[in-house]
Structures are given as structure tokens and as C-alpha cells.
Amino acid sequence: MTGKSKTVLVVFGLIALFLGGFVYKIKQSTAAPEVQAMIYPKPKQLPKFQLTDHNNQTFTQDQLLGKWSIMFFGYTYCPDICPTTLAALSQVAQQIPADVASKVQYIFVSVDPERDDVARLAAYVPFYHADFIGTTGTDDQIQILSKSVGAVYMKMPLGDTYQMQHTGRLFIVDPQGRRFGIFADDEQIPGSVNVDVITQDLIQIVRHY
């Protein structure tokens, strides 16, 4: 083999190494990042549903398209989990950067339609953040959505009144209107929301999934 041939082979070898490293870096950069949220292996399309939002407008599966939706199922008379979670979500909404914020919406689904009418939701939900969306409907309408994401709730008598027992988890719906995942509870305080963890997870999910 001539010296010129050796030089050509060396050059091609270096080019191959460069391209191989370049492709590897592309694969690394496009790989889904690790998050603490539970991501379903295969997103599942949500069924058709119809609720009413706190502005007395119809809210259906169409309102889930085009944005990442963070859903929380609760009720306005809740003494602890709901106000704490909504306050934490308000902090998340304030901390995420603008490019992420423009692609996310936060939806509060009341599981207490007997007491949570449109007027009460209109007074309650925007208190935590002006962009939060409160929704309600009949129990049958709510269950279509709650069952599709795995949110559980039940009515529990309490003296002359009642409380609603409900899951405190935050459900993630992707811009195609599919059940995508669930945010993890705070490891230090089970059932509560870790603002920093959810903020970082949300940024990663919106930017890379």
C-alpha cells in the first residue's frame, strides 16, 4: 500500500469517527430525559366527555388538544389537600420559563358537583392563579373523565354534612389528549406536592417529549 493510500485511509477513518460521534451525540440529545413522574409506556386516548368551566363555557376533550394539561381532582370545601396542592401548582406556574408556560394548562376538576357550581368555582379557582381552569358537571359526566385517568373519589358522611375523599395526585395529559403520566408525590411528605421536582419534571416533559 502506498503512502498516499495510507493517508486516504487515515482521513476516511477520522471522518468515520467524527460522524459516528456526531450521530451518537444527536441520539443522546434527543433521548427522553429521566424524570421522577410516572410515564405510561403507551399513552391512552381519553374518551369524549363534557364538563362546564368556571366561566360557564363547555369544556370537552377538545380543550385538551395542543397543550400539556395538569389535572387535579378535588373540591372547594376541601380542608387541606386541595388548597395546599393548588397553592403549590401556583408556584410551579410562576417558576416555569415562558416557553414551557405557553404550552401548559392547569385544570381543577371538582368531584363535588352538589356544592361546587360555576359561581363557586369562579370565586375559588382563579384565587390561586388567574389562568387555572375550574370545571364541574354531573357526577356521571365527571366519572367519565376521572375513571379514564385513574382518579378515585367518594362521598363520606360527616355529621350533618359530608366530605369528599379523593386522590391527591396530579395527572398529566399530553397535547394529543392522551393519558400520559402522573406526577410523583413528595418523598418526604406522601400525598403532598414537591414544587421543585414537579417544576423540573414539567420543563423536561414539555421540552423533550
N, C-alpha and C. Protein backbone atom coordinates (compact mmCIF):
# COMPACT_ATOMS: atom_id res chain seq x y z
N MET A 1 0.85 -1.20 0.00
CA MET A 1 0.00 0.00 0.00
C MET A 1 0.88 1.23 0.00
N THR A 2 0.60 2.19 -0.85
CA THR A 2 1.41 3.39 -0.96
C THR A 2 1.16 4.32 0.20
N GLY A 3 2.07 5.27 0.38
CA GLY A 3 1.89 6.26 1.45
C GLY A 3 0.65 7.08 1.25
N LYS A 4 0.34 7.37 -0.05
CA LYS A 4 -0.87 8.15 -0.36
C LYS A 4 -2.11 7.38 0.04
N SER A 5 -2.13 6.06 -0.23
CA SER A 5 -3.30 5.24 0.11
C SER A 5 -3.50 5.20 1.62
N LYS A 6 -2.38 5.09 2.36
CA LYS A 6 -2.47 5.07 3.83
C LYS A 6 -3.07 6.38 4.34
N THR A 7 -2.64 7.48 3.73
CA THR A 7 -3.13 8.79 4.16
C THR A 7 -4.63 8.90 3.93
N VAL A 8 -5.10 8.40 2.78
CA VAL A 8 -6.52 8.44 2.44
C VAL A 8 -7.32 7.63 3.44
N LEU A 9 -6.81 6.42 3.79
CA LEU A 9 -7.50 5.56 4.75
C LEU A 9 -7.59 6.22 6.12
N VAL A 10 -6.50 6.87 6.53
CA VAL A 10 -6.49 7.56 7.82
C VAL A 10 -7.52 8.68 7.83
N VAL A 11 -7.57 9.44 6.74
CA VAL A 11 -8.53 10.54 6.65
C VAL A 11 -9.96 10.02 6.73
N PHE A 12 -10.24 8.95 5.96
CA PHE A 12 -11.60 8.37 5.98
C PHE A 12 -11.93 7.81 7.36
N GLY A 13 -10.91 7.24 8.01
CA GLY A 13 -11.13 6.72 9.36
C GLY A 13 -11.49 7.82 10.34
N LEU A 14 -10.79 8.95 10.23
CA LEU A 14 -11.08 10.08 11.11
C LEU A 14 -12.47 10.65 10.85
N ILE A 15 -12.85 10.70 9.56
CA ILE A 15 -14.18 11.20 9.20
C ILE A 15 -15.26 10.28 9.78
N ALA A 16 -15.02 8.96 9.66
CA ALA A 16 -15.99 7.99 10.18
C ALA A 16 -16.14 8.14 11.69
N LEU A 17 -15.01 8.32 12.38
CA LEU A 17 -15.06 8.51 13.84
C LEU A 17 -15.81 9.78 14.19
N PHE A 18 -15.57 10.83 13.43
CA PHE A 18 -16.24 12.11 13.69
C PHE A 18 -17.75 11.98 13.50
N LEU A 19 -18.13 11.37 12.36
CA LEU A 19 -19.56 11.21 12.08
C LEU A 19 -20.23 10.30 13.09
N GLY A 20 -19.52 9.24 13.48
CA GLY A 20 -20.07 8.33 14.48
C GLY A 20 -20.32 9.04 15.80
N GLY A 21 -19.34 9.85 16.22
CA GLY A 21 -19.51 10.61 17.46
C GLY A 21 -20.61 11.63 17.35
N PHE A 22 -20.73 12.25 16.15
CA PHE A 22 -21.78 13.25 15.93
C PHE A 22 -23.16 12.63 16.04
N VAL A 23 -23.34 11.46 15.39
CA VAL A 23 -24.62 10.76 15.45
C VAL A 23 -24.93 10.34 16.87
N TYR A 24 -23.91 9.87 17.59
CA TYR A 24 -24.11 9.46 18.97
C TYR A 24 -24.59 10.63 19.83
N LYS A 25 -24.00 11.80 19.59
CA LYS A 25 -24.40 12.99 20.35
C LYS A 25 -25.83 13.38 20.03
N ILE A 26 -26.22 13.25 18.75
CA ILE A 26 -27.61 13.55 18.37
C ILE A 26 -28.56 12.62 19.11
N LYS A 27 -28.22 11.31 19.13
CA LYS A 27 -29.07 10.35 19.82
C LYS A 27 -29.15 10.67 21.30
N GLN A 28 -28.02 11.06 21.87
CA GLN A 28 -28.01 11.42 23.29
C GLN A 28 -28.91 12.63 23.55
N SER A 29 -28.82 13.64 22.68
CA SER A 29 -29.55 14.88 22.91
C SER A 29 -31.05 14.71 22.71
N THR A 30 -31.44 13.74 21.85
CA THR A 30 -32.87 13.57 21.59
C THR A 30 -33.50 12.51 22.48
N ALA A 31 -32.69 11.80 23.25
CA ALA A 31 -33.24 10.78 24.15
C ALA A 31 -34.09 11.45 25.24
N ALA A 32 -35.19 10.79 25.61
CA ALA A 32 -36.06 11.34 26.64
C ALA A 32 -35.30 11.40 27.96
N PRO A 33 -35.34 12.55 28.65
CA PRO A 33 -34.62 12.69 29.91
C PRO A 33 -35.32 11.94 31.03
N GLU A 34 -34.57 11.65 32.08
CA GLU A 34 -35.15 10.98 33.24
C GLU A 34 -35.96 11.99 34.05
N VAL A 35 -37.13 11.57 34.48
CA VAL A 35 -37.97 12.40 35.34
C VAL A 35 -38.50 11.52 36.47
N GLN A 36 -38.94 12.16 37.54
CA GLN A 36 -39.49 11.41 38.66
C GLN A 36 -40.96 11.06 38.45
N ALA A 37 -41.61 11.75 37.52
CA ALA A 37 -43.01 11.45 37.22
C ALA A 37 -43.12 10.04 36.64
N MET A 38 -44.26 9.40 36.88
CA MET A 38 -44.52 8.09 36.28
C MET A 38 -45.08 8.31 34.88
N ILE A 39 -44.36 7.85 33.86
CA ILE A 39 -44.78 8.00 32.47
C ILE A 39 -45.30 6.65 31.98
N TYR A 40 -46.50 6.64 31.44
CA TYR A 40 -47.04 5.39 30.91
C TYR A 40 -46.26 4.96 29.66
N PRO A 41 -45.99 3.66 29.51
CA PRO A 41 -45.26 3.18 28.32
C PRO A 41 -45.96 3.54 27.03
N LYS A 42 -47.30 3.53 27.07
CA LYS A 42 -48.07 3.86 25.87
C LYS A 42 -49.22 4.79 26.26
N PRO A 43 -49.18 6.06 25.83
CA PRO A 43 -50.28 6.99 26.15
C PRO A 43 -51.62 6.46 25.66
N LYS A 44 -52.67 6.69 26.44
CA LYS A 44 -54.01 6.19 26.09
C LYS A 44 -54.95 7.35 25.84
N GLN A 45 -55.63 7.31 24.71
CA GLN A 45 -56.58 8.39 24.35
C GLN A 45 -57.71 8.47 25.35
N LEU A 46 -58.01 9.68 25.81
CA LEU A 46 -59.12 9.86 26.73
C LEU A 46 -60.44 9.80 25.96
N PRO A 47 -61.51 9.37 26.61
CA PRO A 47 -62.81 9.29 25.94
C PRO A 47 -63.43 10.68 25.78
N LYS A 48 -64.48 10.75 25.01
CA LYS A 48 -65.21 12.01 24.89
C LYS A 48 -65.90 12.31 26.22
N PHE A 49 -65.85 13.59 26.62
CA PHE A 49 -66.51 13.99 27.86
C PHE A 49 -67.00 15.42 27.70
N GLN A 50 -67.87 15.84 28.59
CA GLN A 50 -68.35 17.22 28.56
C GLN A 50 -68.57 17.73 29.98
N LEU A 51 -67.84 18.79 30.32
CA LEU A 51 -67.97 19.47 31.60
C LEU A 51 -68.28 20.94 31.34
N THR A 52 -68.38 21.71 32.42
CA THR A 52 -68.58 23.16 32.30
C THR A 52 -67.49 23.85 33.09
N ASP A 53 -66.82 24.85 32.50
CA ASP A 53 -65.73 25.52 33.22
C ASP A 53 -66.26 26.66 34.09
N HIS A 54 -65.36 27.30 34.83
CA HIS A 54 -65.79 28.32 35.80
C HIS A 54 -66.24 29.62 35.12
N ASN A 55 -66.07 29.70 33.80
CA ASN A 55 -66.62 30.82 33.03
C ASN A 55 -67.95 30.46 32.37
N ASN A 56 -68.49 29.31 32.79
CA ASN A 56 -69.77 28.80 32.29
C ASN A 56 -69.71 28.46 30.80
N GLN A 57 -68.52 28.02 30.36
CA GLN A 57 -68.33 27.58 28.98
C GLN A 57 -68.17 26.06 28.95
N THR A 58 -68.61 25.44 27.88
CA THR A 58 -68.47 24.00 27.73
C THR A 58 -66.99 23.62 27.66
N PHE A 59 -66.62 22.59 28.40
CA PHE A 59 -65.24 22.11 28.43
C PHE A 59 -65.25 20.62 28.05
N THR A 60 -64.64 20.31 26.90
CA THR A 60 -64.62 18.93 26.41
C THR A 60 -63.19 18.49 26.14
N GLN A 61 -63.05 17.29 25.59
CA GLN A 61 -61.73 16.76 25.23
C GLN A 61 -61.03 17.66 24.23
N ASP A 62 -61.76 18.46 23.48
CA ASP A 62 -61.14 19.37 22.51
C ASP A 62 -60.28 20.42 23.18
N GLN A 63 -60.64 20.79 24.41
CA GLN A 63 -59.87 21.80 25.14
C GLN A 63 -58.54 21.25 25.65
N LEU A 64 -58.32 19.96 25.48
CA LEU A 64 -57.06 19.36 25.91
C LEU A 64 -56.04 19.31 24.79
N LEU A 65 -56.49 19.57 23.57
CA LEU A 65 -55.61 19.46 22.41
C LEU A 65 -54.68 20.67 22.27
N GLY A 66 -53.43 20.39 21.96
CA GLY A 66 -52.48 21.47 21.70
C GLY A 66 -51.69 21.93 22.89
N LYS A 67 -52.03 21.47 24.09
CA LYS A 67 -51.29 21.85 25.30
C LYS A 67 -51.13 20.65 26.22
N TRP A 68 -50.10 20.71 27.05
CA TRP A 68 -49.96 19.75 28.13
C TRP A 68 -50.93 20.18 29.23
N SER A 69 -51.69 19.23 29.75
CA SER A 69 -52.67 19.54 30.79
C SER A 69 -52.30 18.85 32.10
N ILE A 70 -52.29 19.62 33.17
CA ILE A 70 -52.07 19.06 34.50
C ILE A 70 -53.42 19.07 35.20
N MET A 71 -53.95 17.90 35.51
CA MET A 71 -55.29 17.77 36.10
C MET A 71 -55.22 17.41 37.57
N PHE A 72 -56.07 18.09 38.34
CA PHE A 72 -56.19 17.78 39.75
C PHE A 72 -57.67 17.65 40.09
N PHE A 73 -58.04 16.54 40.72
CA PHE A 73 -59.42 16.29 41.09
C PHE A 73 -59.61 16.59 42.57
N GLY A 74 -60.51 17.52 42.88
CA GLY A 74 -60.72 17.90 44.27
C GLY A 74 -62.05 18.61 44.44
N TYR A 75 -62.18 19.40 45.51
CA TYR A 75 -63.42 20.15 45.73
C TYR A 75 -63.14 21.38 46.58
N THR A 76 -63.97 22.39 46.42
CA THR A 76 -63.68 23.68 47.05
C THR A 76 -63.84 23.67 48.57
N TYR A 77 -64.60 22.74 49.12
CA TYR A 77 -64.77 22.66 50.57
C TYR A 77 -63.68 21.81 51.23
N CYS A 78 -62.75 21.33 50.46
CA CYS A 78 -61.65 20.51 50.98
C CYS A 78 -60.84 21.31 52.00
N PRO A 79 -60.60 20.75 53.18
CA PRO A 79 -59.92 21.50 54.24
C PRO A 79 -58.40 21.50 54.15
N ASP A 80 -57.81 20.62 53.34
CA ASP A 80 -56.35 20.52 53.41
C ASP A 80 -55.67 20.26 52.06
N ILE A 81 -55.90 19.08 51.48
CA ILE A 81 -55.15 18.69 50.28
C ILE A 81 -55.34 19.65 49.12
N CYS A 82 -56.58 20.05 48.86
CA CYS A 82 -56.86 20.89 47.68
C CYS A 82 -56.21 22.27 47.76
N PRO A 83 -56.43 23.03 48.85
CA PRO A 83 -55.77 24.34 48.89
C PRO A 83 -54.25 24.25 48.87
N THR A 84 -53.71 23.22 49.52
CA THR A 84 -52.25 23.05 49.54
C THR A 84 -51.72 22.73 48.15
N THR A 85 -52.40 21.84 47.45
CA THR A 85 -51.96 21.43 46.12
C THR A 85 -52.10 22.58 45.12
N LEU A 86 -53.22 23.29 45.16
CA LEU A 86 -53.42 24.40 44.23
C LEU A 86 -52.41 25.52 44.48
N ALA A 87 -52.08 25.74 45.74
CA ALA A 87 -51.06 26.76 46.06
C ALA A 87 -49.71 26.33 45.52
N ALA A 88 -49.40 25.03 45.63
CA ALA A 88 -48.13 24.51 45.10
C ALA A 88 -48.10 24.62 43.58
N LEU A 89 -49.22 24.30 42.93
CA LEU A 89 -49.29 24.42 41.47
C LEU A 89 -49.12 25.87 41.03
N SER A 90 -49.62 26.78 41.83
CA SER A 90 -49.44 28.20 41.52
C SER A 90 -47.96 28.55 41.52
N GLN A 91 -47.20 28.00 42.45
CA GLN A 91 -45.75 28.24 42.48
C GLN A 91 -45.08 27.63 41.25
N VAL A 92 -45.51 26.44 40.87
CA VAL A 92 -44.96 25.80 39.67
C VAL A 92 -45.21 26.69 38.45
N ALA A 93 -46.46 27.17 38.33
CA ALA A 93 -46.83 28.01 37.18
C ALA A 93 -45.99 29.29 37.12
N GLN A 94 -45.59 29.79 38.27
CA GLN A 94 -44.80 31.01 38.31
C GLN A 94 -43.32 30.75 38.03
N GLN A 95 -42.87 29.53 38.28
CA GLN A 95 -41.44 29.22 38.16
C GLN A 95 -41.04 28.74 36.77
N ILE A 96 -41.93 28.09 36.04
CA ILE A 96 -41.54 27.54 34.74
C ILE A 96 -41.26 28.66 33.75
N PRO A 97 -40.29 28.47 32.86
CA PRO A 97 -39.96 29.51 31.87
C PRO A 97 -41.07 29.72 30.86
N ALA A 98 -41.02 30.84 30.17
CA ALA A 98 -42.10 31.25 29.28
C ALA A 98 -42.37 30.24 28.17
N ASP A 99 -41.31 29.61 27.61
CA ASP A 99 -41.53 28.68 26.51
C ASP A 99 -42.30 27.44 26.95
N VAL A 100 -42.16 27.09 28.22
CA VAL A 100 -42.89 25.96 28.78
C VAL A 100 -44.29 26.39 29.20
N ALA A 101 -44.37 27.55 29.85
CA ALA A 101 -45.66 28.05 30.34
C ALA A 101 -46.69 28.18 29.23
N SER A 102 -46.25 28.56 28.05
CA SER A 102 -47.18 28.76 26.93
C SER A 102 -47.78 27.45 26.42
N LYS A 103 -47.20 26.33 26.86
CA LYS A 103 -47.67 25.02 26.38
C LYS A 103 -48.34 24.19 27.47
N VAL A 104 -48.65 24.83 28.60
CA VAL A 104 -49.21 24.09 29.74
C VAL A 104 -50.48 24.76 30.24
N GLN A 105 -51.46 23.95 30.64
CA GLN A 105 -52.66 24.46 31.30
C GLN A 105 -52.95 23.59 32.53
N TYR A 106 -53.58 24.21 33.52
CA TYR A 106 -53.85 23.55 34.79
C TYR A 106 -55.37 23.47 34.97
N ILE A 107 -55.86 22.26 35.20
CA ILE A 107 -57.31 22.04 35.23
C ILE A 107 -57.72 21.43 36.57
N PHE A 108 -58.59 22.12 37.27
CA PHE A 108 -59.15 21.63 38.53
C PHE A 108 -60.52 21.04 38.21
N VAL A 109 -60.68 19.74 38.50
CA VAL A 109 -61.96 19.06 38.24
C VAL A 109 -62.64 18.82 39.57
N SER A 110 -63.78 19.46 39.80
CA SER A 110 -64.49 19.28 41.06
C SER A 110 -65.15 17.90 41.10
N VAL A 111 -64.99 17.22 42.23
CA VAL A 111 -65.65 15.93 42.44
C VAL A 111 -66.85 16.09 43.38
N ASP A 112 -67.26 17.35 43.56
CA ASP A 112 -68.38 17.67 44.45
C ASP A 112 -69.39 18.55 43.71
N PRO A 113 -70.01 18.01 42.67
CA PRO A 113 -70.92 18.83 41.85
C PRO A 113 -72.14 19.32 42.63
N GLU A 114 -72.46 18.66 43.73
CA GLU A 114 -73.61 19.06 44.54
C GLU A 114 -73.43 20.46 45.13
N ARG A 115 -72.18 20.81 45.47
CA ARG A 115 -71.92 22.12 46.08
C ARG A 115 -71.08 23.04 45.19
N ASP A 116 -70.25 22.46 44.33
CA ASP A 116 -69.34 23.27 43.51
C ASP A 116 -69.99 23.65 42.19
N ASP A 117 -70.80 24.69 42.23
CA ASP A 117 -71.40 25.18 40.99
C ASP A 117 -70.43 26.14 40.30
N VAL A 118 -70.83 26.65 39.16
CA VAL A 118 -69.97 27.53 38.38
C VAL A 118 -69.57 28.77 39.16
N ALA A 119 -70.51 29.37 39.87
CA ALA A 119 -70.22 30.60 40.61
C ALA A 119 -69.18 30.36 41.70
N ARG A 120 -69.30 29.23 42.39
CA ARG A 120 -68.33 28.95 43.45
C ARG A 120 -66.94 28.67 42.87
N LEU A 121 -66.89 27.94 41.77
CA LEU A 121 -65.61 27.68 41.13
C LEU A 121 -64.97 28.98 40.63
N ALA A 122 -65.80 29.88 40.12
CA ALA A 122 -65.30 31.17 39.60
C ALA A 122 -64.67 32.01 40.71
N ALA A 123 -65.16 31.84 41.92
CA ALA A 123 -64.60 32.59 43.05
C ALA A 123 -63.38 31.87 43.64
N TYR A 124 -63.32 30.57 43.48
CA TYR A 124 -62.30 29.75 44.15
C TYR A 124 -61.04 29.54 43.31
N VAL A 125 -61.19 29.05 42.11
CA VAL A 125 -60.04 28.62 41.32
C VAL A 125 -59.10 29.77 40.93
N PRO A 126 -59.59 30.90 40.38
CA PRO A 126 -58.68 31.98 39.98
C PRO A 126 -57.95 32.62 41.16
N PHE A 127 -58.42 32.37 42.37
CA PHE A 127 -57.72 32.89 43.55
C PHE A 127 -56.29 32.38 43.60
N TYR A 128 -56.09 31.15 43.16
CA TYR A 128 -54.76 30.56 43.20
C TYR A 128 -53.92 30.97 42.01
N HIS A 129 -54.55 31.09 40.85
CA HIS A 129 -53.84 31.57 39.66
C HIS A 129 -54.89 31.97 38.61
N ALA A 130 -54.68 33.11 38.01
CA ALA A 130 -55.67 33.64 37.06
C ALA A 130 -55.89 32.73 35.85
N ASP A 131 -54.89 31.91 35.52
CA ASP A 131 -55.01 31.05 34.33
C ASP A 131 -55.53 29.65 34.65
N PHE A 132 -55.72 29.33 35.91
CA PHE A 132 -56.22 28.00 36.25
C PHE A 132 -57.67 27.86 35.76
N ILE A 133 -58.01 26.64 35.37
CA ILE A 133 -59.35 26.37 34.85
C ILE A 133 -60.09 25.46 35.83
N GLY A 134 -61.24 25.90 36.29
CA GLY A 134 -62.07 25.07 37.16
C GLY A 134 -63.20 24.46 36.35
N THR A 135 -63.50 23.18 36.59
CA THR A 135 -64.56 22.52 35.84
C THR A 135 -65.48 21.73 36.77
N THR A 136 -66.72 21.57 36.33
CA THR A 136 -67.69 20.77 37.07
C THR A 136 -68.68 20.16 36.09
N GLY A 137 -69.61 19.38 36.61
CA GLY A 137 -70.61 18.72 35.77
C GLY A 137 -71.42 17.80 36.65
N THR A 138 -72.21 16.95 36.06
CA THR A 138 -72.92 15.95 36.85
C THR A 138 -71.92 14.88 37.29
N ASP A 139 -72.32 14.09 38.26
CA ASP A 139 -71.42 13.03 38.73
C ASP A 139 -71.08 12.06 37.59
N ASP A 140 -72.06 11.75 36.78
CA ASP A 140 -71.82 10.85 35.64
C ASP A 140 -70.81 11.45 34.67
N GLN A 141 -70.93 12.74 34.42
CA GLN A 141 -70.01 13.41 33.49
C GLN A 141 -68.58 13.41 34.06
N ILE A 142 -68.47 13.69 35.34
CA ILE A 142 -67.15 13.75 35.98
C ILE A 142 -66.48 12.38 35.98
N GLN A 143 -67.28 11.33 36.22
CA GLN A 143 -66.71 9.99 36.30
C GLN A 143 -66.15 9.50 34.96
N ILE A 144 -66.70 9.96 33.87
CA ILE A 144 -66.14 9.59 32.57
C ILE A 144 -64.67 9.99 32.50
N LEU A 145 -64.38 11.21 32.95
CA LEU A 145 -63.01 11.71 32.91
C LEU A 145 -62.17 11.11 34.03
N SER A 146 -62.72 11.08 35.24
CA SER A 146 -61.93 10.59 36.39
C SER A 146 -61.50 9.14 36.20
N LYS A 147 -62.41 8.29 35.72
CA LYS A 147 -62.07 6.89 35.52
C LYS A 147 -61.04 6.71 34.42
N SER A 148 -61.06 7.58 33.43
CA SER A 148 -60.14 7.43 32.30
C SER A 148 -58.70 7.74 32.68
N VAL A 149 -58.49 8.57 33.72
CA VAL A 149 -57.13 8.87 34.16
C VAL A 149 -56.75 8.12 35.43
N GLY A 150 -57.75 7.52 36.09
CA GLY A 150 -57.47 6.77 37.31
C GLY A 150 -57.65 7.55 38.59
N ALA A 151 -58.46 8.61 38.55
CA ALA A 151 -58.73 9.41 39.75
C ALA A 151 -59.93 8.81 40.50
N VAL A 152 -59.75 8.56 41.79
CA VAL A 152 -60.79 7.93 42.60
C VAL A 152 -61.33 8.92 43.62
N TYR A 153 -62.64 8.90 43.83
CA TYR A 153 -63.24 9.74 44.86
C TYR A 153 -64.53 9.12 45.36
N MET A 154 -64.95 9.50 46.57
CA MET A 154 -66.20 9.01 47.12
C MET A 154 -66.72 9.98 48.18
N LYS A 155 -68.02 9.97 48.37
CA LYS A 155 -68.69 10.85 49.32
C LYS A 155 -68.73 10.17 50.69
N MET A 156 -68.29 10.89 51.73
CA MET A 156 -68.24 10.34 53.08
C MET A 156 -69.06 11.22 54.02
N PRO A 157 -70.12 10.68 54.67
CA PRO A 157 -70.92 11.45 55.62
C PRO A 157 -70.07 11.98 56.78
N LEU A 158 -70.36 13.19 57.21
CA LEU A 158 -69.64 13.80 58.32
C LEU A 158 -70.63 14.66 59.11
N GLY A 159 -71.29 14.05 60.13
CA GLY A 159 -72.29 14.78 60.89
C GLY A 159 -73.46 15.15 60.01
N ASP A 160 -73.78 16.45 60.00
CA ASP A 160 -74.90 16.93 59.18
C ASP A 160 -74.49 17.24 57.74
N THR A 161 -73.23 17.05 57.44
CA THR A 161 -72.74 17.36 56.09
C THR A 161 -71.94 16.17 55.57
N TYR A 162 -70.98 16.43 54.70
CA TYR A 162 -70.15 15.35 54.16
C TYR A 162 -68.82 15.91 53.67
N GLN A 163 -67.87 15.02 53.50
CA GLN A 163 -66.61 15.34 52.87
C GLN A 163 -66.42 14.43 51.67
N MET A 164 -65.56 14.85 50.76
CA MET A 164 -65.22 14.02 49.61
C MET A 164 -63.82 13.46 49.82
N GLN A 165 -63.72 12.16 49.85
CA GLN A 165 -62.42 11.51 49.85
C GLN A 165 -61.97 11.37 48.40
N HIS A 166 -60.76 11.82 48.13
CA HIS A 166 -60.31 11.81 46.72
C HIS A 166 -58.80 11.68 46.63
N THR A 167 -58.35 11.21 45.48
CA THR A 167 -56.92 11.12 45.25
C THR A 167 -56.30 12.51 45.20
N GLY A 168 -55.08 12.62 45.69
CA GLY A 168 -54.40 13.92 45.67
C GLY A 168 -53.36 14.01 44.57
N ARG A 169 -53.36 13.05 43.66
CA ARG A 169 -52.34 13.02 42.61
C ARG A 169 -52.63 14.02 41.49
N LEU A 170 -51.56 14.36 40.79
CA LEU A 170 -51.65 15.24 39.64
C LEU A 170 -51.48 14.41 38.38
N PHE A 171 -52.44 14.48 37.49
CA PHE A 171 -52.43 13.67 36.28
C PHE A 171 -51.97 14.50 35.08
N ILE A 172 -51.16 13.87 34.24
CA ILE A 172 -50.60 14.55 33.07
C ILE A 172 -51.30 14.05 31.81
N VAL A 173 -51.82 14.98 31.02
CA VAL A 173 -52.43 14.66 29.73
C VAL A 173 -51.62 15.36 28.65
N ASP A 174 -51.26 14.62 27.60
CA ASP A 174 -50.40 15.22 26.58
C ASP A 174 -51.21 16.05 25.57
N PRO A 175 -50.54 16.77 24.67
CA PRO A 175 -51.25 17.65 23.73
C PRO A 175 -52.14 16.94 22.72
N GLN A 176 -52.09 15.62 22.69
CA GLN A 176 -52.99 14.85 21.82
C GLN A 176 -54.22 14.37 22.60
N GLY A 177 -54.34 14.82 23.84
CA GLY A 177 -55.48 14.43 24.65
C GLY A 177 -55.40 13.01 25.17
N ARG A 178 -54.17 12.56 25.45
CA ARG A 178 -53.97 11.19 25.92
C ARG A 178 -53.45 11.17 27.35
N ARG A 179 -53.86 10.16 28.09
CA ARG A 179 -53.33 9.95 29.45
C ARG A 179 -51.84 9.66 29.33
N PHE A 180 -51.01 10.54 29.89
CA PHE A 180 -49.57 10.45 29.68
C PHE A 180 -48.82 9.98 30.91
N GLY A 181 -49.22 10.45 32.10
CA GLY A 181 -48.48 10.07 33.30
C GLY A 181 -49.06 10.69 34.56
N ILE A 182 -48.34 10.49 35.66
CA ILE A 182 -48.74 11.00 36.97
C ILE A 182 -47.51 11.57 37.66
N PHE A 183 -47.62 12.75 38.22
CA PHE A 183 -46.50 13.32 38.96
C PHE A 183 -46.33 12.59 40.28
N ALA A 184 -45.09 12.35 40.66
CA ALA A 184 -44.79 11.63 41.88
C ALA A 184 -45.11 12.49 43.11
N ASP A 185 -45.49 11.82 44.20
CA ASP A 185 -45.69 12.52 45.46
C ASP A 185 -44.34 12.94 46.03
N ASP A 186 -44.38 13.89 46.94
CA ASP A 186 -43.18 14.29 47.66
C ASP A 186 -42.72 13.13 48.53
N GLU A 187 -41.47 12.70 48.34
CA GLU A 187 -40.96 11.57 49.12
C GLU A 187 -40.93 11.86 50.61
N GLN A 188 -40.75 13.12 50.95
CA GLN A 188 -40.68 13.50 52.37
C GLN A 188 -42.06 13.54 53.02
N ILE A 189 -43.06 13.97 52.25
CA ILE A 189 -44.42 14.09 52.78
C ILE A 189 -45.37 13.43 51.79
N PRO A 190 -45.63 12.13 51.93
CA PRO A 190 -46.51 11.43 50.99
C PRO A 190 -47.86 12.12 50.84
N GLY A 191 -48.32 12.23 49.60
CA GLY A 191 -49.60 12.88 49.34
C GLY A 191 -49.49 14.36 49.09
N SER A 192 -48.30 14.91 49.24
CA SER A 192 -48.11 16.34 49.01
C SER A 192 -47.31 16.56 47.73
N VAL A 193 -47.20 17.82 47.35
CA VAL A 193 -46.56 18.17 46.08
C VAL A 193 -45.19 18.81 46.34
N ASN A 194 -44.17 18.29 45.69
CA ASN A 194 -42.85 18.89 45.76
C ASN A 194 -42.71 19.85 44.59
N VAL A 195 -42.79 21.13 44.88
CA VAL A 195 -42.81 22.16 43.83
C VAL A 195 -41.58 22.08 42.93
N ASP A 196 -40.40 21.94 43.52
CA ASP A 196 -39.17 21.94 42.72
C ASP A 196 -39.10 20.73 41.79
N VAL A 197 -39.48 19.56 42.30
CA VAL A 197 -39.43 18.34 41.48
C VAL A 197 -40.41 18.44 40.32
N ILE A 198 -41.63 18.87 40.60
CA ILE A 198 -42.63 18.98 39.54
C ILE A 198 -42.24 20.04 38.52
N THR A 199 -41.69 21.13 38.99
CA THR A 199 -41.24 22.18 38.07
C THR A 199 -40.21 21.64 37.09
N GLN A 200 -39.20 20.95 37.61
CA GLN A 200 -38.15 20.40 36.75
C GLN A 200 -38.68 19.30 35.84
N ASP A 201 -39.54 18.44 36.37
CA ASP A 201 -40.14 17.39 35.54
C ASP A 201 -40.96 17.99 34.40
N LEU A 202 -41.74 19.00 34.72
CA LEU A 202 -42.61 19.62 33.72
C LEU A 202 -41.78 20.26 32.60
N ILE A 203 -40.71 20.90 32.96
CA ILE A 203 -39.82 21.51 31.97
C ILE A 203 -39.27 20.43 31.02
N GLN A 204 -38.80 19.34 31.62
CA GLN A 204 -38.23 18.26 30.81
C GLN A 204 -39.29 17.61 29.91
N ILE A 205 -40.47 17.38 30.46
CA ILE A 205 -41.53 16.72 29.68
C ILE A 205 -41.94 17.58 28.50
N VAL A 206 -42.20 18.86 28.74
CA VAL A 206 -42.68 19.75 27.67
C VAL A 206 -41.61 19.93 26.60
N ARG A 207 -40.37 20.02 27.00
CA ARG A 207 -39.32 20.30 26.03
C ARG A 207 -38.83 19.07 25.26
N HIS A 208 -38.99 17.89 25.85
CA HIS A 208 -38.33 16.73 25.24
C HIS A 208 -39.25 15.59 24.85
N TYR A 209 -40.52 15.62 25.24
CA TYR A 209 -41.41 14.52 24.88
C TYR A 209 -42.32 14.93 23.72
